[in-house]
Amino acid sequence: MRIRVCSLWIVLAAFSIAVPVWAAHVDATQYLVTTSTQIGSATLTPGEYVLRAREGGNQLEIVRDGKVISEVPCQWEQLPEKARENAVLSSSNAVKEIHFSGRTAAVKIESAQASQGQ
C-alpha cells in the first residue's frame, strides 16, 4: 500500500511541475462593437465579442457566440503600471491595444495595412 501511495505522490508532483508548461494564463475581455471595426485583418460587425490572448503568445482570438471567428497577430508590450480595468483602445474604428485589468502588459495589434507593408 505504501508503494502505491508513494507512486501516486510522485505522479502528482510530476504533473504539477508539467502543468505550467501547457497551461499559460489567458487574458480575456468583453468587447461591444457598435459600428464596423477593424482588428488587424479582421472586420467586426456590430455585436458582442470576447477578445482573448494567451500570455506570451502572438495571436489574439476573436470569439463570438462561444466560437473563435478569427485570430490576428499581436504582440505584448510592457505598461508603466498595472491596468486598472480592461480597456480596448481604438482609433478611426480600428483596435490598436487591449489592456487587461491588473496586468502590467498589454496586447498591441498591428493594423492590416502595416502588416501588408502599406
PDB file of N, CA and C in Angstrom:
ATOM      1  N   MET A   1       0.827  -1.197   0.000  1.00  0.00           N
ATOM      2  CA  MET A   1       0.000   0.000   0.000  1.00  0.00           C
ATOM      3  C   MET A   1       0.867   1.254   0.000  1.00  0.00           C
ATOM      4  N   ARG A   2       1.978   1.241   0.756  1.00  0.00           N
ATOM      5  CA  ARG A   2       2.855   2.402   0.815  1.00  0.00           C
ATOM      6  C   ARG A   2       3.462   2.703  -0.549  1.00  0.00           C
ATOM      7  N   ILE A   3       3.759   1.668  -1.313  1.00  0.00           N
ATOM      8  CA  ILE A   3       4.339   1.873  -2.634  1.00  0.00           C
ATOM      9  C   ILE A   3       3.344   2.571  -3.539  1.00  0.00           C
ATOM     10  N   ARG A   4       2.084   2.188  -3.497  1.00  0.00           N
ATOM     11  CA  ARG A   4       1.058   2.831  -4.320  1.00  0.00           C
ATOM     12  C   ARG A   4       0.887   4.303  -3.948  1.00  0.00           C
ATOM     13  N   VAL A   5       0.833   4.588  -2.655  1.00  0.00           N
ATOM     14  CA  VAL A   5       0.677   5.967  -2.192  1.00  0.00           C
ATOM     15  C   VAL A   5       1.879   6.795  -2.619  1.00  0.00           C
ATOM     16  N   CYS A   6       3.075   6.229  -2.463  1.00  0.00           N
ATOM     17  CA  CYS A   6       4.298   6.922  -2.865  1.00  0.00           C
ATOM     18  C   CYS A   6       4.298   7.175  -4.369  1.00  0.00           C
ATOM     19  N   SER A   7       3.891   6.186  -5.146  1.00  0.00           N
ATOM     20  CA  SER A   7       3.821   6.336  -6.602  1.00  0.00           C
ATOM     21  C   SER A   7       2.825   7.419  -6.986  1.00  0.00           C
ATOM     22  N   LEU A   8       1.699   7.448  -6.288  1.00  0.00           N
ATOM     23  CA  LEU A   8       0.686   8.461  -6.567  1.00  0.00           C
ATOM     24  C   LEU A   8       1.249   9.858  -6.315  1.00  0.00           C
ATOM     25  N   TRP A   9       1.994  10.039  -5.222  1.00  0.00           N
ATOM     26  CA  TRP A   9       2.580  11.344  -4.921  1.00  0.00           C
ATOM     27  C   TRP A   9       3.613  11.743  -5.966  1.00  0.00           C
ATOM     28  N   ILE A  10       4.390  10.789  -6.436  1.00  0.00           N
ATOM     29  CA  ILE A  10       5.381  11.078  -7.475  1.00  0.00           C
ATOM     30  C   ILE A  10       4.687  11.520  -8.756  1.00  0.00           C
ATOM     31  N   VAL A  11       3.621  10.831  -9.139  1.00  0.00           N
ATOM     32  CA  VAL A  11       2.865  11.199 -10.343  1.00  0.00           C
ATOM     33  C   VAL A  11       2.257  12.589 -10.181  1.00  0.00           C
ATOM     34  N   LEU A  12       1.662  12.864  -9.025  1.00  0.00           N
ATOM     35  CA  LEU A  12       1.067  14.187  -8.787  1.00  0.00           C
ATOM     36  C   LEU A  12       2.124  15.284  -8.796  1.00  0.00           C
ATOM     37  N   ALA A  13       3.283  15.028  -8.220  1.00  0.00           N
ATOM     38  CA  ALA A  13       4.361  16.022  -8.217  1.00  0.00           C
ATOM     39  C   ALA A  13       4.842  16.292  -9.636  1.00  0.00           C
ATOM     40  N   ALA A  14       5.014  15.252 -10.428  1.00  0.00           N
ATOM     41  CA  ALA A  14       5.446  15.427 -11.822  1.00  0.00           C
ATOM     42  C   ALA A  14       4.402  16.202 -12.612  1.00  0.00           C
ATOM     43  N   PHE A  15       3.139  15.910 -12.389  1.00  0.00           N
ATOM     44  CA  PHE A  15       2.070  16.610 -13.087  1.00  0.00           C
ATOM     45  C   PHE A  15       2.055  18.094 -12.719  1.00  0.00           C
ATOM     46  N   SER A  16       2.235  18.407 -11.430  1.00  0.00           N
ATOM     47  CA  SER A  16       2.198  19.815 -11.011  1.00  0.00           C
ATOM     48  C   SER A  16       3.360  20.607 -11.599  1.00  0.00           C
ATOM     49  N   ILE A  17       4.473  19.958 -11.856  1.00  0.00           N
ATOM     50  CA  ILE A  17       5.611  20.628 -12.489  1.00  0.00           C
ATOM     51  C   ILE A  17       5.326  20.845 -13.969  1.00  0.00           C
ATOM     52  N   ALA A  18       4.681  19.892 -14.609  1.00  0.00           N
ATOM     53  CA  ALA A  18       4.408  19.961 -16.049  1.00  0.00           C
ATOM     54  C   ALA A  18       3.274  20.913 -16.387  1.00  0.00           C
ATOM     55  N   VAL A  19       2.338  21.143 -15.471  1.00  0.00           N
ATOM     56  CA  VAL A  19       1.164  21.976 -15.751  1.00  0.00           C
ATOM     57  C   VAL A  19       1.528  23.359 -16.279  1.00  0.00           C
ATOM     58  N   PRO A  20       2.472  24.112 -15.668  1.00  0.00           N
ATOM     59  CA  PRO A  20       2.766  25.446 -16.186  1.00  0.00           C
ATOM     60  C   PRO A  20       3.250  25.467 -17.633  1.00  0.00           C
ATOM     61  N   VAL A  21       3.812  24.375 -18.112  1.00  0.00           N
ATOM     62  CA  VAL A  21       4.310  24.330 -19.479  1.00  0.00           C
ATOM     63  C   VAL A  21       3.166  24.479 -20.481  1.00  0.00           C
ATOM     64  N   TRP A  22       2.040  23.854 -20.208  1.00  0.00           N
ATOM     65  CA  TRP A  22       0.951  23.886 -21.186  1.00  0.00           C
ATOM     66  C   TRP A  22      -0.240  24.710 -20.730  1.00  0.00           C
ATOM     67  N   ALA A  23      -0.232  25.234 -19.532  1.00  0.00           N
ATOM     68  CA  ALA A  23      -1.377  25.970 -19.016  1.00  0.00           C
ATOM     69  C   ALA A  23      -1.048  27.448 -18.835  1.00  0.00           C
ATOM     70  N   ALA A  24      -0.591  28.101 -19.887  1.00  0.00           N
ATOM     71  CA  ALA A  24      -0.278  29.529 -19.810  1.00  0.00           C
ATOM     72  C   ALA A  24      -1.551  30.318 -19.512  1.00  0.00           C
ATOM     73  N   HIS A  25      -1.390  31.415 -18.833  1.00  0.00           N
ATOM     74  CA  HIS A  25      -2.506  32.285 -18.462  1.00  0.00           C
ATOM     75  C   HIS A  25      -3.147  32.893 -19.713  1.00  0.00           C
ATOM     76  N   VAL A  26      -4.466  32.920 -19.731  1.00  0.00           N
ATOM     77  CA  VAL A  26      -5.204  33.540 -20.833  1.00  0.00           C
ATOM     78  C   VAL A  26      -5.943  34.759 -20.291  1.00  0.00           C
ATOM     79  N   ASP A  27      -5.722  35.906 -20.931  1.00  0.00           N
ATOM     80  CA  ASP A  27      -6.450  37.125 -20.586  1.00  0.00           C
ATOM     81  C   ASP A  27      -7.592  37.290 -21.575  1.00  0.00           C
ATOM     82  N   ALA A  28      -8.716  37.797 -21.087  1.00  0.00           N
ATOM     83  CA  ALA A  28      -9.872  37.993 -21.958  1.00  0.00           C
ATOM     84  C   ALA A  28     -10.663  39.211 -21.504  1.00  0.00           C
ATOM     85  N   THR A  29     -11.350  39.822 -22.457  1.00  0.00           N
ATOM     86  CA  THR A  29     -12.232  40.933 -22.144  1.00  0.00           C
ATOM     87  C   THR A  29     -13.420  40.931 -23.100  1.00  0.00           C
ATOM     88  N   GLN A  30     -14.548  41.391 -22.602  1.00  0.00           N
ATOM     89  CA  GLN A  30     -15.734  41.565 -23.434  1.00  0.00           C
ATOM     90  C   GLN A  30     -15.541  42.808 -24.288  1.00  0.00           C
ATOM     91  N   TYR A  31     -16.084  42.783 -25.500  1.00  0.00           N
ATOM     92  CA  TYR A  31     -15.965  43.943 -26.382  1.00  0.00           C
ATOM     93  C   TYR A  31     -17.257  44.099 -27.162  1.00  0.00           C
ATOM     94  N   LEU A  32     -17.941  45.212 -26.953  1.00  0.00           N
ATOM     95  CA  LEU A  32     -19.190  45.508 -27.649  1.00  0.00           C
ATOM     96  C   LEU A  32     -18.882  46.397 -28.846  1.00  0.00           C
ATOM     97  N   VAL A  33     -19.187  45.906 -30.027  1.00  0.00           N
ATOM     98  CA  VAL A  33     -18.949  46.656 -31.266  1.00  0.00           C
ATOM     99  C   VAL A  33     -20.270  47.271 -31.704  1.00  0.00           C
ATOM    100  N   THR A  34     -20.268  48.598 -31.891  1.00  0.00           N
ATOM    101  CA  THR A  34     -21.491  49.288 -32.311  1.00  0.00           C
ATOM    102  C   THR A  34     -21.445  49.725 -33.768  1.00  0.00           C
ATOM    103  N   THR A  35     -20.249  49.754 -34.345  1.00  0.00           N
ATOM    104  CA  THR A  35     -20.078  50.111 -35.751  1.00  0.00           C
ATOM    105  C   THR A  35     -18.941  49.250 -36.306  1.00  0.00           C
ATOM    106  N   SER A  36     -18.934  49.001 -37.570  1.00  0.00           N
ATOM    107  CA  SER A  36     -17.920  48.159 -38.190  1.00  0.00           C
ATOM    108  C   SER A  36     -16.526  48.571 -37.714  1.00  0.00           C
ATOM    109  N   THR A  37     -15.751  47.604 -37.217  1.00  0.00           N
ATOM    110  CA  THR A  37     -14.453  47.875 -36.592  1.00  0.00           C
ATOM    111  C   THR A  37     -13.410  46.876 -37.075  1.00  0.00           C
ATOM    112  N   GLN A  38     -12.197  47.354 -37.279  1.00  0.00           N
ATOM    113  CA  GLN A  38     -11.070  46.508 -37.689  1.00  0.00           C
ATOM    114  C   GLN A  38     -10.253  46.092 -36.475  1.00  0.00           C
ATOM    115  N   ILE A  39      -9.860  44.835 -36.436  1.00  0.00           N
ATOM    116  CA  ILE A  39      -8.834  44.358 -35.506  1.00  0.00           C
ATOM    117  C   ILE A  39      -7.859  43.603 -36.388  1.00  0.00           C
ATOM    118  N   GLY A  40      -6.715  44.207 -36.655  1.00  0.00           N
ATOM    119  CA  GLY A  40      -5.765  43.606 -37.588  1.00  0.00           C
ATOM    120  C   GLY A  40      -6.432  43.434 -38.940  1.00  0.00           C
ATOM    121  N   SER A  41      -6.449  42.209 -39.448  1.00  0.00           N
ATOM    122  CA  SER A  41      -7.066  41.948 -40.752  1.00  0.00           C
ATOM    123  C   SER A  41      -8.530  41.563 -40.638  1.00  0.00           C
ATOM    124  N   ALA A  42      -9.060  41.465 -39.430  1.00  0.00           N
ATOM    125  CA  ALA A  42     -10.462  41.072 -39.222  1.00  0.00           C
ATOM    126  C   ALA A  42     -11.367  42.299 -39.139  1.00  0.00           C
ATOM    127  N   THR A  43     -12.510  42.205 -39.792  1.00  0.00           N
ATOM    128  CA  THR A  43     -13.531  43.252 -39.703  1.00  0.00           C
ATOM    129  C   THR A  43     -14.671  42.721 -38.849  1.00  0.00           C
ATOM    130  N   LEU A  44     -14.978  43.441 -37.770  1.00  0.00           N
ATOM    131  CA  LEU A  44     -16.055  43.038 -36.875  1.00  0.00           C
ATOM    132  C   LEU A  44     -17.306  43.850 -37.168  1.00  0.00           C
ATOM    133  N   THR A  45     -18.427  43.150 -37.292  1.00  0.00           N
ATOM    134  CA  THR A  45     -19.714  43.805 -37.457  1.00  0.00           C
ATOM    135  C   THR A  45     -20.292  44.051 -36.061  1.00  0.00           C
ATOM    136  N   PRO A  46     -21.289  44.931 -35.950  1.00  0.00           N
ATOM    137  CA  PRO A  46     -21.855  45.191 -34.624  1.00  0.00           C
ATOM    138  C   PRO A  46     -22.284  43.900 -33.910  1.00  0.00           C
ATOM    139  N   GLY A  47     -21.964  43.861 -32.625  1.00  0.00           N
ATOM    140  CA  GLY A  47     -22.306  42.699 -31.806  1.00  0.00           C
ATOM    141  C   GLY A  47     -21.385  42.595 -30.614  1.00  0.00           C
ATOM    142  N   GLU A  48     -21.568  41.512 -29.851  1.00  0.00           N
ATOM    143  CA  GLU A  48     -20.760  41.272 -28.659  1.00  0.00           C
ATOM    144  C   GLU A  48     -19.683  40.240 -28.965  1.00  0.00           C
ATOM    145  N   TYR A  49     -18.471  40.537 -28.521  1.00  0.00           N
ATOM    146  CA  TYR A  49     -17.309  39.677 -28.763  1.00  0.00           C
ATOM    147  C   TYR A  49     -16.539  39.484 -27.469  1.00  0.00           C
ATOM    148  N   VAL A  50     -15.687  38.468 -27.458  1.00  0.00           N
ATOM    149  CA  VAL A  50     -14.693  38.277 -26.409  1.00  0.00           C
ATOM    150  C   VAL A  50     -13.347  38.288 -27.119  1.00  0.00           C
ATOM    151  N   LEU A  51     -12.415  39.060 -26.579  1.00  0.00           N
ATOM    152  CA  LEU A  51     -11.058  39.133 -27.122  1.00  0.00           C
ATOM    153  C   LEU A  51     -10.155  38.396 -26.138  1.00  0.00           C
ATOM    154  N   ARG A  52      -9.434  37.358 -26.638  1.00  0.00           N
ATOM    155  CA  ARG A  52      -8.602  36.515 -25.774  1.00  0.00           C
ATOM    156  C   ARG A  52      -7.171  36.472 -26.271  1.00  0.00           C
ATOM    157  N   ALA A  53      -6.241  36.563 -25.328  1.00  0.00           N
ATOM    158  CA  ALA A  53      -4.816  36.466 -25.666  1.00  0.00           C
ATOM    159  C   ALA A  53      -4.116  35.615 -24.626  1.00  0.00           C
ATOM    160  N   ARG A  54      -3.316  34.669 -25.094  1.00  0.00           N
ATOM    161  CA  ARG A  54      -2.531  33.807 -24.208  1.00  0.00           C
ATOM    162  C   ARG A  54      -1.244  34.535 -23.842  1.00  0.00           C
ATOM    163  N   GLU A  55      -0.933  34.543 -22.558  1.00  0.00           N
ATOM    164  CA  GLU A  55       0.269  35.205 -22.060  1.00  0.00           C
ATOM    165  C   GLU A  55       1.493  34.740 -22.844  1.00  0.00           C
ATOM    166  N   GLY A  56       2.232  35.704 -23.396  1.00  0.00           N
ATOM    167  CA  GLY A  56       3.425  35.394 -24.158  1.00  0.00           C
ATOM    168  C   GLY A  56       3.155  34.940 -25.583  1.00  0.00           C
ATOM    169  N   GLY A  57       1.886  34.775 -25.935  1.00  0.00           N
ATOM    170  CA  GLY A  57       1.532  34.333 -27.277  1.00  0.00           C
ATOM    171  C   GLY A  57       1.569  35.477 -28.275  1.00  0.00           C
ATOM    172  N   ASN A  58       1.375  35.142 -29.543  1.00  0.00           N
ATOM    173  CA  ASN A  58       1.406  36.175 -30.580  1.00  0.00           C
ATOM    174  C   ASN A  58       0.141  36.192 -31.440  1.00  0.00           C
ATOM    175  N   GLN A  59      -0.953  35.645 -30.888  1.00  0.00           N
ATOM    176  CA  GLN A  59      -2.232  35.663 -31.584  1.00  0.00           C
ATOM    177  C   GLN A  59      -3.325  36.131 -30.631  1.00  0.00           C
ATOM    178  N   LEU A  60      -4.202  36.980 -31.138  1.00  0.00           N
ATOM    179  CA  LEU A  60      -5.386  37.405 -30.405  1.00  0.00           C
ATOM    180  C   LEU A  60      -6.562  36.651 -30.997  1.00  0.00           C
ATOM    181  N   GLU A  61      -7.316  35.965 -30.162  1.00  0.00           N
ATOM    182  CA  GLU A  61      -8.507  35.263 -30.621  1.00  0.00           C
ATOM    183  C   GLU A  61      -9.708  36.181 -30.487  1.00  0.00           C
ATOM    184  N   ILE A  62     -10.524  36.197 -31.526  1.00  0.00           N
ATOM    185  CA  ILE A  62     -11.771  36.960 -31.512  1.00  0.00           C
ATOM    186  C   ILE A  62     -12.891  35.934 -31.458  1.00  0.00           C
ATOM    187  N   VAL A  63     -13.695  35.999 -30.391  1.00  0.00           N
ATOM    188  CA  VAL A  63     -14.722  34.990 -30.126  1.00  0.00           C
ATOM    189  C   VAL A  63     -16.098  35.640 -30.186  1.00  0.00           C
ATOM    190  N   ARG A  64     -17.013  34.972 -30.873  1.00  0.00           N
ATOM    191  CA  ARG A  64     -18.404  35.438 -30.919  1.00  0.00           C
ATOM    192  C   ARG A  64     -19.297  34.223 -30.736  1.00  0.00           C
ATOM    193  N   ASP A  65     -20.245  34.328 -29.833  1.00  0.00           N
ATOM    194  CA  ASP A  65     -21.166  33.233 -29.526  1.00  0.00           C
ATOM    195  C   ASP A  65     -20.419  31.948 -29.173  1.00  0.00           C
ATOM    196  N   GLY A  66     -19.311  32.086 -28.436  1.00  0.00           N
ATOM    197  CA  GLY A  66     -18.562  30.936 -27.971  1.00  0.00           C
ATOM    198  C   GLY A  66     -17.642  30.291 -28.989  1.00  0.00           C
ATOM    199  N   LYS A  67     -17.573  30.844 -30.208  1.00  0.00           N
ATOM    200  CA  LYS A  67     -16.731  30.266 -31.258  1.00  0.00           C
ATOM    201  C   LYS A  67     -15.654  31.254 -31.674  1.00  0.00           C
ATOM    202  N   VAL A  68     -14.426  30.746 -31.868  1.00  0.00           N
ATOM    203  CA  VAL A  68     -13.347  31.594 -32.372  1.00  0.00           C
ATOM    204  C   VAL A  68     -13.647  31.871 -33.841  1.00  0.00           C
ATOM    205  N   ILE A  69     -13.870  33.155 -34.163  1.00  0.00           N
ATOM    206  CA  ILE A  69     -14.189  33.505 -35.552  1.00  0.00           C
ATOM    207  C   ILE A  69     -12.979  34.018 -36.316  1.00  0.00           C
ATOM    208  N   SER A  70     -11.951  34.434 -35.575  1.00  0.00           N
ATOM    209  CA  SER A  70     -10.740  34.929 -36.230  1.00  0.00           C
ATOM    210  C   SER A  70      -9.601  34.971 -35.230  1.00  0.00           C
ATOM    211  N   GLU A  71      -8.382  34.898 -35.753  1.00  0.00           N
ATOM    212  CA  GLU A  71      -7.170  35.111 -34.962  1.00  0.00           C
ATOM    213  C   GLU A  71      -6.336  36.128 -35.703  1.00  0.00           C
ATOM    214  N   VAL A  72      -5.820  37.108 -34.974  1.00  0.00           N
ATOM    215  CA  VAL A  72      -4.992  38.137 -35.597  1.00  0.00           C
ATOM    216  C   VAL A  72      -3.670  38.231 -34.836  1.00  0.00           C
ATOM    217  N   PRO A  73      -2.593  38.566 -35.557  1.00  0.00           N
ATOM    218  CA  PRO A  73      -1.294  38.703 -34.895  1.00  0.00           C
ATOM    219  C   PRO A  73      -1.304  39.825 -33.857  1.00  0.00           C
ATOM    220  N   CYS A  74      -0.588  39.602 -32.776  1.00  0.00           N
ATOM    221  CA  CYS A  74      -0.461  40.627 -31.738  1.00  0.00           C
ATOM    222  C   CYS A  74       0.906  40.489 -31.101  1.00  0.00           C
ATOM    223  N   GLN A  75       1.257  41.486 -30.323  1.00  0.00           N
ATOM    224  CA  GLN A  75       2.489  41.403 -29.541  1.00  0.00           C
ATOM    225  C   GLN A  75       2.225  42.018 -28.176  1.00  0.00           C
ATOM    226  N   TRP A  76       2.921  41.502 -27.174  1.00  0.00           N
ATOM    227  CA  TRP A  76       2.780  42.007 -25.813  1.00  0.00           C
ATOM    228  C   TRP A  76       3.782  43.124 -25.598  1.00  0.00           C
ATOM    229  N   GLU A  77       3.340  44.170 -24.917  1.00  0.00           N
ATOM    230  CA  GLU A  77       4.254  45.254 -24.547  1.00  0.00           C
ATOM    231  C   GLU A  77       4.014  45.640 -23.096  1.00  0.00           C
ATOM    232  N   GLN A  78       5.074  46.033 -22.435  1.00  0.00           N
ATOM    233  CA  GLN A  78       5.001  46.412 -21.026  1.00  0.00           C
ATOM    234  C   GLN A  78       4.325  47.771 -20.862  1.00  0.00           C
ATOM    235  N   LEU A  79       3.523  47.877 -19.827  1.00  0.00           N
ATOM    236  CA  LEU A  79       2.892  49.142 -19.446  1.00  0.00           C
ATOM    237  C   LEU A  79       3.682  49.738 -18.282  1.00  0.00           C
ATOM    238  N   PRO A  80       3.609  51.061 -18.091  1.00  0.00           N
ATOM    239  CA  PRO A  80       4.336  51.667 -16.974  1.00  0.00           C
ATOM    240  C   PRO A  80       3.785  51.257 -15.607  1.00  0.00           C
ATOM    241  N   GLU A  81       2.511  50.831 -15.560  1.00  0.00           N
ATOM    242  CA  GLU A  81       1.893  50.365 -14.313  1.00  0.00           C
ATOM    243  C   GLU A  81       0.760  49.410 -14.658  1.00  0.00           C
ATOM    244  N   LYS A  82       0.246  48.724 -13.661  1.00  0.00           N
ATOM    245  CA  LYS A  82      -0.847  47.785 -13.888  1.00  0.00           C
ATOM    246  C   LYS A  82      -2.081  48.506 -14.419  1.00  0.00           C
ATOM    247  N   ALA A  83      -2.760  47.861 -15.351  1.00  0.00           N
ATOM    248  CA  ALA A  83      -4.019  48.412 -15.860  1.00  0.00           C
ATOM    249  C   ALA A  83      -5.070  48.324 -14.756  1.00  0.00           C
ATOM    250  N   ARG A  84      -5.828  49.380 -14.570  1.00  0.00           N
ATOM    251  CA  ARG A  84      -6.856  49.412 -13.524  1.00  0.00           C
ATOM    252  C   ARG A  84      -8.109  48.643 -13.927  1.00  0.00           C
ATOM    253  N   GLU A  85      -8.330  48.552 -15.245  1.00  0.00           N
ATOM    254  CA  GLU A  85      -9.509  47.853 -15.753  1.00  0.00           C
ATOM    255  C   GLU A  85      -9.223  47.374 -17.173  1.00  0.00           C
ATOM    256  N   ASN A  86     -10.088  46.504 -17.657  1.00  0.00           N
ATOM    257  CA  ASN A  86      -9.973  46.086 -19.048  1.00  0.00           C
ATOM    258  C   ASN A  86     -10.292  47.280 -19.933  1.00  0.00           C
ATOM    259  N   ALA A  87      -9.550  47.441 -21.006  1.00  0.00           N
ATOM    260  CA  ALA A  87      -9.788  48.553 -21.921  1.00  0.00           C
ATOM    261  C   ALA A  87      -9.372  48.154 -23.334  1.00  0.00           C
ATOM    262  N   VAL A  88     -10.223  48.498 -24.300  1.00  0.00           N
ATOM    263  CA  VAL A  88      -9.911  48.294 -25.710  1.00  0.00           C
ATOM    264  C   VAL A  88      -9.686  49.674 -26.298  1.00  0.00           C
ATOM    265  N   LEU A  89      -8.453  49.961 -26.719  1.00  0.00           N
ATOM    266  CA  LEU A  89      -8.099  51.267 -27.250  1.00  0.00           C
ATOM    267  C   LEU A  89      -8.169  51.228 -28.774  1.00  0.00           C
ATOM    268  N   SER A  90      -8.914  52.180 -29.330  1.00  0.00           N
ATOM    269  CA  SER A  90      -9.070  52.201 -30.784  1.00  0.00           C
ATOM    270  C   SER A  90      -8.955  53.622 -31.316  1.00  0.00           C
ATOM    271  N   SER A  91      -8.742  53.696 -32.624  1.00  0.00           N
ATOM    272  CA  SER A  91      -8.650  54.966 -33.323  1.00  0.00           C
ATOM    273  C   SER A  91      -9.164  54.734 -34.730  1.00  0.00           C
ATOM    274  N   SER A  92     -10.020  55.616 -35.212  1.00  0.00           N
ATOM    275  CA  SER A  92     -10.586  55.504 -36.566  1.00  0.00           C
ATOM    276  C   SER A  92     -11.177  54.119 -36.822  1.00  0.00           C
ATOM    277  N   ASN A  93     -11.974  53.633 -35.862  1.00  0.00           N
ATOM    278  CA  ASN A  93     -12.641  52.328 -35.970  1.00  0.00           C
ATOM    279  C   ASN A  93     -11.676  51.165 -36.175  1.00  0.00           C
ATOM    280  N   ALA A  94     -10.484  51.266 -35.598  1.00  0.00           N
ATOM    281  CA  ALA A  94      -9.510  50.173 -35.643  1.00  0.00           C
ATOM    282  C   ALA A  94      -8.929  49.984 -34.240  1.00  0.00           C
ATOM    283  N   VAL A  95      -8.985  48.767 -33.726  1.00  0.00           N
ATOM    284  CA  VAL A  95      -8.442  48.461 -32.404  1.00  0.00           C
ATOM    285  C   VAL A  95      -6.918  48.477 -32.484  1.00  0.00           C
ATOM    286  N   LYS A  96      -6.294  49.187 -31.543  1.00  0.00           N
ATOM    287  CA  LYS A  96      -4.831  49.325 -31.505  1.00  0.00           C
ATOM    288  C   LYS A  96      -4.202  48.549 -30.350  1.00  0.00           C
ATOM    289  N   GLU A  97      -4.848  48.575 -29.174  1.00  0.00           N
ATOM    290  CA  GLU A  97      -4.302  47.936 -27.972  1.00  0.00           C
ATOM    291  C   GLU A  97      -5.427  47.410 -27.112  1.00  0.00           C
ATOM    292  N   ILE A  98      -5.085  46.398 -26.317  1.00  0.00           N
ATOM    293  CA  ILE A  98      -6.026  45.867 -25.342  1.00  0.00           C
ATOM    294  C   ILE A  98      -5.289  45.761 -24.009  1.00  0.00           C
ATOM    295  N   HIS A  99      -5.845  46.392 -22.978  1.00  0.00           N
ATOM    296  CA  HIS A  99      -5.281  46.346 -21.636  1.00  0.00           C
ATOM    297  C   HIS A  99      -6.166  45.428 -20.802  1.00  0.00           C
ATOM    298  N   PHE A 100      -5.539  44.624 -19.940  1.00  0.00           N
ATOM    299  CA  PHE A 100      -6.262  43.696 -19.089  1.00  0.00           C
ATOM    300  C   PHE A 100      -6.077  44.098 -17.633  1.00  0.00           C
ATOM    301  N   SER A 101      -7.163  44.160 -16.904  1.00  0.00           N
ATOM    302  CA  SER A 101      -7.159  44.593 -15.512  1.00  0.00           C
ATOM    303  C   SER A 101      -6.126  43.842 -14.688  1.00  0.00           C
ATOM    304  N   GLY A 102      -5.310  44.619 -13.936  1.00  0.00           N
ATOM    305  CA  GLY A 102      -4.323  44.042 -13.040  1.00  0.00           C
ATOM    306  C   GLY A 102      -3.047  43.553 -13.705  1.00  0.00           C
ATOM    307  N   ARG A 103      -2.929  43.744 -15.004  1.00  0.00           N
ATOM    308  CA  ARG A 103      -1.755  43.256 -15.742  1.00  0.00           C
ATOM    309  C   ARG A 103      -0.827  44.407 -16.093  1.00  0.00           C
ATOM    310  N   THR A 104       0.469  44.142 -16.105  1.00  0.00           N
ATOM    311  CA  THR A 104       1.454  45.159 -16.463  1.00  0.00           C
ATOM    312  C   THR A 104       1.862  45.054 -17.923  1.00  0.00           C
ATOM    313  N   ALA A 105       1.223  44.160 -18.661  1.00  0.00           N
ATOM    314  CA  ALA A 105       1.484  44.025 -20.100  1.00  0.00           C
ATOM    315  C   ALA A 105       0.164  44.163 -20.847  1.00  0.00           C
ATOM    316  N   ALA A 106       0.234  44.709 -22.050  1.00  0.00           N
ATOM    317  CA  ALA A 106      -0.946  44.899 -22.898  1.00  0.00           C
ATOM    318  C   ALA A 106      -0.672  44.263 -24.253  1.00  0.00           C
ATOM    319  N   VAL A 107      -1.740  43.968 -24.959  1.00  0.00           N
ATOM    320  CA  VAL A 107      -1.630  43.415 -26.310  1.00  0.00           C
ATOM    321  C   VAL A 107      -1.716  44.560 -27.297  1.00  0.00           C
ATOM    322  N   LYS A 108      -0.747  44.611 -28.190  1.00  0.00           N
ATOM    323  CA  LYS A 108      -0.734  45.624 -29.244  1.00  0.00           C
ATOM    324  C   LYS A 108      -1.072  44.925 -30.561  1.00  0.00           C
ATOM    325  N   ILE A 109      -1.973  45.537 -31.321  1.00  0.00           N
ATOM    326  CA  ILE A 109      -2.424  44.965 -32.587  1.00  0.00           C
ATOM    327  C   ILE A 109      -1.830  45.768 -33.730  1.00  0.00           C
ATOM    328  N   GLU A 110      -1.252  45.062 -34.678  1.00  0.00           N
ATOM    329  CA  GLU A 110      -0.726  45.705 -35.873  1.00  0.00           C
ATOM    330  C   GLU A 110      -1.858  45.836 -36.878  1.00  0.00           C
ATOM    331  N   SER A 111      -1.965  46.982 -37.508  1.00  0.00           N
ATOM    332  CA  SER A 111      -3.031  47.180 -38.490  1.00  0.00           C
ATOM    333  C   SER A 111      -2.789  46.284 -39.698  1.00  0.00           C
ATOM    334  N   ALA A 112      -3.858  45.952 -40.393  1.00  0.00           N
ATOM    335  CA  ALA A 112      -3.764  45.101 -41.584  1.00  0.00           C
ATOM    336  C   ALA A 112      -2.869  45.771 -42.649  1.00  0.00           C
ATOM    337  N   GLN A 113      -2.971  47.092 -42.793  1.00  0.00           N
ATOM    338  CA  GLN A 113      -2.163  47.804 -43.780  1.00  0.00           C
ATOM    339  C   GLN A 113      -0.675  47.729 -43.440  1.00  0.00           C
ATOM    340  N   ALA A 114      -0.340  47.891 -42.153  1.00  0.00           N
ATOM    341  CA  ALA A 114       1.062  47.843 -41.737  1.00  0.00           C
ATOM    342  C   ALA A 114       1.646  46.453 -41.951  1.00  0.00           C
ATOM    343  N   SER A 115       0.846  45.414 -41.682  1.00  0.00           N
ATOM    344  CA  SER A 115       1.354  44.056 -41.836  1.00  0.00           C
ATOM    345  C   SER A 115       1.524  43.673 -43.311  1.00  0.00           C
ATOM    346  N   GLN A 116       0.848  44.404 -44.197  1.00  0.00           N
ATOM    347  CA  GLN A 116       0.990  44.157 -45.633  1.00  0.00           C
ATOM    348  C   GLN A 116       2.026  45.075 -46.259  1.00  0.00           C
ATOM    349  N   GLY A 117       2.681  45.901 -45.431  1.00  0.00           N
ATOM    350  CA  GLY A 117       3.721  46.796 -45.911  1.00  0.00           C
ATOM    351  C   GLY A 117       3.195  48.028 -46.598  1.00  0.00           C
ATOM    352  N   GLN A 118       1.977  48.427 -46.297  1.00  0.00           N
ATOM    353  CA  GLN A 118       1.381  49.616 -46.920  1.00  0.00           C
ATOM    354  C   GLN A 118       1.461  50.797 -45.996  1.00  0.00           C
TER     355      GLN A 118
END
